[in-house]
Structure formats: C-alpha cells, structure tokens
Amino acid sequence: MMHLTTEQKAKMGAELAMKRQEHKDLDASINALLATNCQDAMMLQRLKKKKLAIKDRIIYLEQFVLPDIIA
C-alpha cells in the first residue's frame, strides 16, 4: 500500500465524507421516487448507477483513509 502524507490523508478523508453524504442523498432520492410510484425507469436506473459508482469510490477511499479497520 502506498504511503500518504498527512495532507493527502486529510483530503481523502474529506472526499470520503462528501461521497458518503452524496451516497446517502442519492439513496433518499431513489426511495422517494419509488414511494411516489415514479414510472421514469430511466431516471431510476441512472440514479442507481451513480449511487453504485459512488459506493465504489467510497470503498477505494476507505482503503487509504481507514487501512487498519479494513485490513
């Protein structure tokens, strides 16, 4: 695993927090659309795809920011 400076870890930590919030917000949006019986399947698919991409980024960032917990 590559070694990060304190500044790099701080930046990745901030991005991780932002991505977690973005993931949570997308989840709420998806649930709200589903609750209203939204028939826009394309929109739901796009939101779910974006949510999955954010989750992948979260996992990547966690490997650097929280290596002791994940390992």
PDB file of N, CA and C in Angstrom:
ATOM      1  N   MET A   1       0.840  -1.179   0.000  1.00  0.00           N
ATOM      2  CA  MET A   1       0.000   0.000   0.000  1.00  0.00           C
ATOM      3  C   MET A   1       0.881   1.237   0.000  1.00  0.00           C
ATOM      4  N   MET A   2       0.478   2.242  -0.762  1.00  0.00           N
ATOM      5  CA  MET A   2       1.292   3.450  -0.838  1.00  0.00           C
ATOM      6  C   MET A   2       1.114   4.274   0.432  1.00  0.00           C
ATOM      7  N   HIS A   3       2.189   4.978   0.784  1.00  0.00           N
ATOM      8  CA  HIS A   3       2.164   5.818   1.972  1.00  0.00           C
ATOM      9  C   HIS A   3       1.717   7.221   1.596  1.00  0.00           C
ATOM     10  N   LEU A   4       0.807   7.756   2.382  1.00  0.00           N
ATOM     11  CA  LEU A   4       0.251   9.080   2.111  1.00  0.00           C
ATOM     12  C   LEU A   4       0.738  10.077   3.148  1.00  0.00           C
ATOM     13  N   THR A   5       0.862  11.319   2.716  1.00  0.00           N
ATOM     14  CA  THR A   5       1.190  12.378   3.667  1.00  0.00           C
ATOM     15  C   THR A   5      -0.064  12.683   4.485  1.00  0.00           C
ATOM     16  N   THR A   6       0.131  13.399   5.548  1.00  0.00           N
ATOM     17  CA  THR A   6      -1.000  13.801   6.388  1.00  0.00           C
ATOM     18  C   THR A   6      -1.987  14.643   5.588  1.00  0.00           C
ATOM     19  N   GLU A   7      -1.461  15.504   4.728  1.00  0.00           N
ATOM     20  CA  GLU A   7      -2.320  16.359   3.902  1.00  0.00           C
ATOM     21  C   GLU A   7      -3.138  15.524   2.908  1.00  0.00           C
ATOM     22  N   GLN A   8      -2.499  14.529   2.298  1.00  0.00           N
ATOM     23  CA  GLN A   8      -3.208  13.656   1.350  1.00  0.00           C
ATOM     24  C   GLN A   8      -4.304  12.866   2.066  1.00  0.00           C
ATOM     25  N   LYS A   9      -3.987  12.361   3.253  1.00  0.00           N
ATOM     26  CA  LYS A   9      -4.992  11.626   4.026  1.00  0.00           C
ATOM     27  C   LYS A   9      -6.172  12.524   4.391  1.00  0.00           C
ATOM     28  N   ALA A  10      -5.870  13.768   4.747  1.00  0.00           N
ATOM     29  CA  ALA A  10      -6.929  14.718   5.110  1.00  0.00           C
ATOM     30  C   ALA A  10      -7.833  14.998   3.914  1.00  0.00           C
ATOM     31  N   LYS A  11      -7.219  15.196   2.735  1.00  0.00           N
ATOM     32  CA  LYS A  11      -8.013  15.436   1.523  1.00  0.00           C
ATOM     33  C   LYS A  11      -8.881  14.228   1.196  1.00  0.00           C
ATOM     34  N   MET A  12      -8.301  13.036   1.308  1.00  0.00           N
ATOM     35  CA  MET A  12      -9.075  11.820   1.019  1.00  0.00           C
ATOM     36  C   MET A  12     -10.174  11.617   2.064  1.00  0.00           C
ATOM     37  N   GLY A  13      -9.886  11.971   3.304  1.00  0.00           N
ATOM     38  CA  GLY A  13     -10.900  11.875   4.352  1.00  0.00           C
ATOM     39  C   GLY A  13     -12.073  12.801   4.087  1.00  0.00           C
ATOM     40  N   ALA A  14     -11.757  14.018   3.620  1.00  0.00           N
ATOM     41  CA  ALA A  14     -12.817  14.977   3.294  1.00  0.00           C
ATOM     42  C   ALA A  14     -13.640  14.482   2.106  1.00  0.00           C
ATOM     43  N   GLU A  15     -12.958  13.937   1.104  1.00  0.00           N
ATOM     44  CA  GLU A  15     -13.681  13.399  -0.053  1.00  0.00           C
ATOM     45  C   GLU A  15     -14.546  12.213   0.362  1.00  0.00           C
ATOM     46  N   LEU A  16     -14.016  11.386   1.248  1.00  0.00           N
ATOM     47  CA  LEU A  16     -14.778  10.228   1.731  1.00  0.00           C
ATOM     48  C   LEU A  16     -16.067  10.682   2.417  1.00  0.00           C
ATOM     49  N   ALA A  17     -15.962  11.676   3.280  1.00  0.00           N
ATOM     50  CA  ALA A  17     -17.148  12.185   3.972  1.00  0.00           C
ATOM     51  C   ALA A  17     -18.160  12.743   2.968  1.00  0.00           C
ATOM     52  N   MET A  18     -17.669  13.463   1.963  1.00  0.00           N
ATOM     53  CA  MET A  18     -18.546  14.036   0.942  1.00  0.00           C
ATOM     54  C   MET A  18     -19.240  12.930   0.130  1.00  0.00           C
ATOM     55  N   LYS A  19     -18.486  11.903  -0.239  1.00  0.00           N
ATOM     56  CA  LYS A  19     -19.057  10.808  -1.022  1.00  0.00           C
ATOM     57  C   LYS A  19     -20.081  10.015  -0.206  1.00  0.00           C
ATOM     58  N   ARG A  20     -19.814   9.838   1.075  1.00  0.00           N
ATOM     59  CA  ARG A  20     -20.791   9.142   1.931  1.00  0.00           C
ATOM     60  C   ARG A  20     -22.103   9.913   1.999  1.00  0.00           C
ATOM     61  N   GLN A  21     -22.005  11.246   2.117  1.00  0.00           N
ATOM     62  CA  GLN A  21     -23.218  12.068   2.150  1.00  0.00           C
ATOM     63  C   GLN A  21     -23.937  12.026   0.807  1.00  0.00           C
ATOM     64  N   GLU A  22     -23.181  12.088  -0.268  1.00  0.00           N
ATOM     65  CA  GLU A  22     -23.766  12.027  -1.608  1.00  0.00           C
ATOM     66  C   GLU A  22     -24.486  10.686  -1.817  1.00  0.00           C
ATOM     67  N   HIS A  23     -23.886   9.613  -1.338  1.00  0.00           N
ATOM     68  CA  HIS A  23     -24.478   8.273  -1.436  1.00  0.00           C
ATOM     69  C   HIS A  23     -25.790   8.220  -0.651  1.00  0.00           C
ATOM     70  N   LYS A  24     -25.763   8.783   0.550  1.00  0.00           N
ATOM     71  CA  LYS A  24     -26.957   8.823   1.399  1.00  0.00           C
ATOM     72  C   LYS A  24     -28.074   9.646   0.740  1.00  0.00           C
ATOM     73  N   ASP A  25     -27.705  10.781   0.150  1.00  0.00           N
ATOM     74  CA  ASP A  25     -28.683  11.642  -0.523  1.00  0.00           C
ATOM     75  C   ASP A  25     -29.299  10.939  -1.736  1.00  0.00           C
ATOM     76  N   LEU A  26     -28.472  10.238  -2.507  1.00  0.00           N
ATOM     77  CA  LEU A  26     -28.991   9.500  -3.666  1.00  0.00           C
ATOM     78  C   LEU A  26     -29.940   8.398  -3.216  1.00  0.00           C
ATOM     79  N   ASP A  27     -29.594   7.733  -2.134  1.00  0.00           N
ATOM     80  CA  ASP A  27     -30.457   6.681  -1.606  1.00  0.00           C
ATOM     81  C   ASP A  27     -31.827   7.251  -1.230  1.00  0.00           C
ATOM     82  N   ALA A  28     -31.816   8.420  -0.596  1.00  0.00           N
ATOM     83  CA  ALA A  28     -33.076   9.070  -0.232  1.00  0.00           C
ATOM     84  C   ALA A  28     -33.873   9.469  -1.473  1.00  0.00           C
ATOM     85  N   SER A  29     -33.190   9.959  -2.489  1.00  0.00           N
ATOM     86  CA  SER A  29     -33.864  10.342  -3.739  1.00  0.00           C
ATOM     87  C   SER A  29     -34.496   9.130  -4.423  1.00  0.00           C
ATOM     88  N   ILE A  30     -33.746   8.050  -4.468  1.00  0.00           N
ATOM     89  CA  ILE A  30     -34.260   6.818  -5.090  1.00  0.00           C
ATOM     90  C   ILE A  30     -35.483   6.317  -4.327  1.00  0.00           C
ATOM     91  N   ASN A  31     -35.397   6.299  -3.014  1.00  0.00           N
ATOM     92  CA  ASN A  31     -36.528   5.835  -2.200  1.00  0.00           C
ATOM     93  C   ASN A  31     -37.747   6.741  -2.363  1.00  0.00           C
ATOM     94  N   ALA A  32     -37.517   8.042  -2.479  1.00  0.00           N
ATOM     95  CA  ALA A  32     -38.629   8.974  -2.674  1.00  0.00           C
ATOM     96  C   ALA A  32     -39.305   8.737  -4.017  1.00  0.00           C
ATOM     97  N   LEU A  33     -38.507   8.511  -5.054  1.00  0.00           N
ATOM     98  CA  LEU A  33     -39.086   8.227  -6.377  1.00  0.00           C
ATOM     99  C   LEU A  33     -39.882   6.926  -6.369  1.00  0.00           C
ATOM    100  N   LEU A  34     -39.342   5.930  -5.700  1.00  0.00           N
ATOM    101  CA  LEU A  34     -40.047   4.648  -5.621  1.00  0.00           C
ATOM    102  C   LEU A  34     -41.354   4.785  -4.836  1.00  0.00           C
ATOM    103  N   ALA A  35     -41.346   5.609  -3.794  1.00  0.00           N
ATOM    104  CA  ALA A  35     -42.537   5.805  -2.967  1.00  0.00           C
ATOM    105  C   ALA A  35     -43.649   6.524  -3.722  1.00  0.00           C
ATOM    106  N   THR A  36     -43.278   7.315  -4.732  1.00  0.00           N
ATOM    107  CA  THR A  36     -44.288   8.051  -5.492  1.00  0.00           C
ATOM    108  C   THR A  36     -44.730   7.277  -6.732  1.00  0.00           C
ATOM    109  N   ASN A  37     -44.329   6.015  -6.814  1.00  0.00           N
ATOM    110  CA  ASN A  37     -44.640   5.176  -7.974  1.00  0.00           C
ATOM    111  C   ASN A  37     -44.173   5.821  -9.269  1.00  0.00           C
ATOM    112  N   CYS A  38     -42.983   6.384  -9.217  1.00  0.00           N
ATOM    113  CA  CYS A  38     -42.400   7.027 -10.398  1.00  0.00           C
ATOM    114  C   CYS A  38     -42.256   6.000 -11.517  1.00  0.00           C
ATOM    115  N   GLN A  39     -42.725   6.348 -12.672  1.00  0.00           N
ATOM    116  CA  GLN A  39     -42.646   5.449 -13.820  1.00  0.00           C
ATOM    117  C   GLN A  39     -41.426   5.745 -14.704  1.00  0.00           C
ATOM    118  N   ASP A  40     -40.570   6.654 -14.265  1.00  0.00           N
ATOM    119  CA  ASP A  40     -39.389   7.007 -15.035  1.00  0.00           C
ATOM    120  C   ASP A  40     -38.255   6.032 -14.718  1.00  0.00           C
ATOM    121  N   ALA A  41     -38.318   4.880 -15.364  1.00  0.00           N
ATOM    122  CA  ALA A  41     -37.339   3.821 -15.115  1.00  0.00           C
ATOM    123  C   ALA A  41     -35.931   4.259 -15.495  1.00  0.00           C
ATOM    124  N   MET A  42     -35.822   5.077 -16.512  1.00  0.00           N
ATOM    125  CA  MET A  42     -34.513   5.549 -16.967  1.00  0.00           C
ATOM    126  C   MET A  42     -33.843   6.400 -15.883  1.00  0.00           C
ATOM    127  N   MET A  43     -34.618   7.281 -15.267  1.00  0.00           N
ATOM    128  CA  MET A  43     -34.079   8.126 -14.207  1.00  0.00           C
ATOM    129  C   MET A  43     -33.640   7.275 -13.019  1.00  0.00           C
ATOM    130  N   LEU A  44     -34.478   6.337 -12.633  1.00  0.00           N
ATOM    131  CA  LEU A  44     -34.117   5.451 -11.521  1.00  0.00           C
ATOM    132  C   LEU A  44     -32.845   4.669 -11.836  1.00  0.00           C
ATOM    133  N   GLN A  45     -32.729   4.198 -13.045  1.00  0.00           N
ATOM    134  CA  GLN A  45     -31.542   3.445 -13.449  1.00  0.00           C
ATOM    135  C   GLN A  45     -30.298   4.328 -13.374  1.00  0.00           C
ATOM    136  N   ARG A  46     -30.404   5.574 -13.826  1.00  0.00           N
ATOM    137  CA  ARG A  46     -29.268   6.499 -13.777  1.00  0.00           C
ATOM    138  C   ARG A  46     -28.855   6.788 -12.343  1.00  0.00           C
ATOM    139  N   LEU A  47     -29.851   7.015 -11.483  1.00  0.00           N
ATOM    140  CA  LEU A  47     -29.549   7.301 -10.077  1.00  0.00           C
ATOM    141  C   LEU A  47     -28.886   6.103  -9.400  1.00  0.00           C
ATOM    142  N   LYS A  48     -29.387   4.912  -9.689  1.00  0.00           N
ATOM    143  CA  LYS A  48     -28.805   3.711  -9.098  1.00  0.00           C
ATOM    144  C   LYS A  48     -27.382   3.469  -9.600  1.00  0.00           C
ATOM    145  N   LYS A  49     -27.154   3.746 -10.871  1.00  0.00           N
ATOM    146  CA  LYS A  49     -25.818   3.580 -11.440  1.00  0.00           C
ATOM    147  C   LYS A  49     -24.847   4.575 -10.802  1.00  0.00           C
ATOM    148  N   LYS A  50     -25.299   5.820 -10.626  1.00  0.00           N
ATOM    149  CA  LYS A  50     -24.462   6.834  -9.993  1.00  0.00           C
ATOM    150  C   LYS A  50     -24.177   6.455  -8.539  1.00  0.00           C
ATOM    151  N   LYS A  51     -25.188   5.934  -7.853  1.00  0.00           N
ATOM    152  CA  LYS A  51     -25.015   5.508  -6.466  1.00  0.00           C
ATOM    153  C   LYS A  51     -23.973   4.394  -6.368  1.00  0.00           C
ATOM    154  N   LEU A  52     -24.015   3.468  -7.296  1.00  0.00           N
ATOM    155  CA  LEU A  52     -23.043   2.365  -7.316  1.00  0.00           C
ATOM    156  C   LEU A  52     -21.627   2.886  -7.583  1.00  0.00           C
ATOM    157  N   ALA A  53     -21.476   3.833  -8.484  1.00  0.00           N
ATOM    158  CA  ALA A  53     -20.157   4.410  -8.769  1.00  0.00           C
ATOM    159  C   ALA A  53     -19.608   5.126  -7.536  1.00  0.00           C
ATOM    160  N   ILE A  54     -20.481   5.812  -6.825  1.00  0.00           N
ATOM    161  CA  ILE A  54     -20.059   6.500  -5.603  1.00  0.00           C
ATOM    162  C   ILE A  54     -19.645   5.479  -4.543  1.00  0.00           C
ATOM    163  N   LYS A  55     -20.387   4.399  -4.447  1.00  0.00           N
ATOM    164  CA  LYS A  55     -20.044   3.341  -3.480  1.00  0.00           C
ATOM    165  C   LYS A  55     -18.664   2.756  -3.802  1.00  0.00           C
ATOM    166  N   ASP A  56     -18.372   2.552  -5.076  1.00  0.00           N
ATOM    167  CA  ASP A  56     -17.057   2.057  -5.485  1.00  0.00           C
ATOM    168  C   ASP A  56     -15.963   3.031  -5.049  1.00  0.00           C
ATOM    169  N   ARG A  57     -16.210   4.330  -5.218  1.00  0.00           N
ATOM    170  CA  ARG A  57     -15.229   5.341  -4.816  1.00  0.00           C
ATOM    171  C   ARG A  57     -15.054   5.343  -3.296  1.00  0.00           C
ATOM    172  N   ILE A  58     -16.150   5.177  -2.569  1.00  0.00           N
ATOM    173  CA  ILE A  58     -16.084   5.117  -1.101  1.00  0.00           C
ATOM    174  C   ILE A  58     -15.187   3.960  -0.667  1.00  0.00           C
ATOM    175  N   ILE A  59     -15.381   2.815  -1.265  1.00  0.00           N
ATOM    176  CA  ILE A  59     -14.576   1.638  -0.922  1.00  0.00           C
ATOM    177  C   ILE A  59     -13.103   1.903  -1.207  1.00  0.00           C
ATOM    178  N   TYR A  60     -12.816   2.514  -2.346  1.00  0.00           N
ATOM    179  CA  TYR A  60     -11.435   2.844  -2.712  1.00  0.00           C
ATOM    180  C   TYR A  60     -10.820   3.790  -1.677  1.00  0.00           C
ATOM    181  N   LEU A  61     -11.538   4.851  -1.328  1.00  0.00           N
ATOM    182  CA  LEU A  61     -11.017   5.825  -0.376  1.00  0.00           C
ATOM    183  C   LEU A  61     -10.815   5.220   1.001  1.00  0.00           C
ATOM    184  N   GLU A  62     -11.720   4.358   1.414  1.00  0.00           N
ATOM    185  CA  GLU A  62     -11.606   3.722   2.724  1.00  0.00           C
ATOM    186  C   GLU A  62     -10.326   2.903   2.856  1.00  0.00           C
ATOM    187  N   GLN A  63      -9.848   2.348   1.763  1.00  0.00           N
ATOM    188  CA  GLN A  63      -8.615   1.562   1.800  1.00  0.00           C
ATOM    189  C   GLN A  63      -7.425   2.422   2.204  1.00  0.00           C
ATOM    190  N   PHE A  64      -7.460   3.713   1.902  1.00  0.00           N
ATOM    191  CA  PHE A  64      -6.355   4.607   2.237  1.00  0.00           C
ATOM    192  C   PHE A  64      -6.588   5.347   3.542  1.00  0.00           C
ATOM    193  N   VAL A  65      -7.823   5.744   3.785  1.00  0.00           N
ATOM    194  CA  VAL A  65      -8.122   6.555   4.973  1.00  0.00           C
ATOM    195  C   VAL A  65      -8.269   5.677   6.218  1.00  0.00           C
ATOM    196  N   LEU A  66      -8.833   4.490   6.044  1.00  0.00           N
ATOM    197  CA  LEU A  66      -9.077   3.595   7.175  1.00  0.00           C
ATOM    198  C   LEU A  66      -8.399   2.241   6.984  1.00  0.00           C
ATOM    199  N   PRO A  67      -7.110   2.187   6.691  1.00  0.00           N
ATOM    200  CA  PRO A  67      -6.483   0.905   6.351  1.00  0.00           C
ATOM    201  C   PRO A  67      -6.480  -0.109   7.495  1.00  0.00           C
ATOM    202  N   ASP A  68      -6.364   0.355   8.742  1.00  0.00           N
ATOM    203  CA  ASP A  68      -6.316  -0.562   9.879  1.00  0.00           C
ATOM    204  C   ASP A  68      -7.661  -1.231  10.138  1.00  0.00           C
ATOM    205  N   ILE A  69      -8.727  -0.522   9.869  1.00  0.00           N
ATOM    206  CA  ILE A  69     -10.072  -1.057  10.104  1.00  0.00           C
ATOM    207  C   ILE A  69     -10.440  -2.062   9.025  1.00  0.00           C
ATOM    208  N   ILE A  70     -10.050  -1.786   7.776  1.00  0.00           N
ATOM    209  CA  ILE A  70     -10.443  -2.614   6.637  1.00  0.00           C
ATOM    210  C   ILE A  70      -9.569  -3.855   6.538  1.00  0.00           C
ATOM    211  N   ALA A  71      -8.302  -3.735   6.866  1.00  0.00           N
ATOM    212  CA  ALA A  71      -7.365  -4.846   6.696  1.00  0.00           C
ATOM    213  C   ALA A  71      -7.581  -5.962   7.673  1.00  0.00           C
TER     214      ALA A  71
END
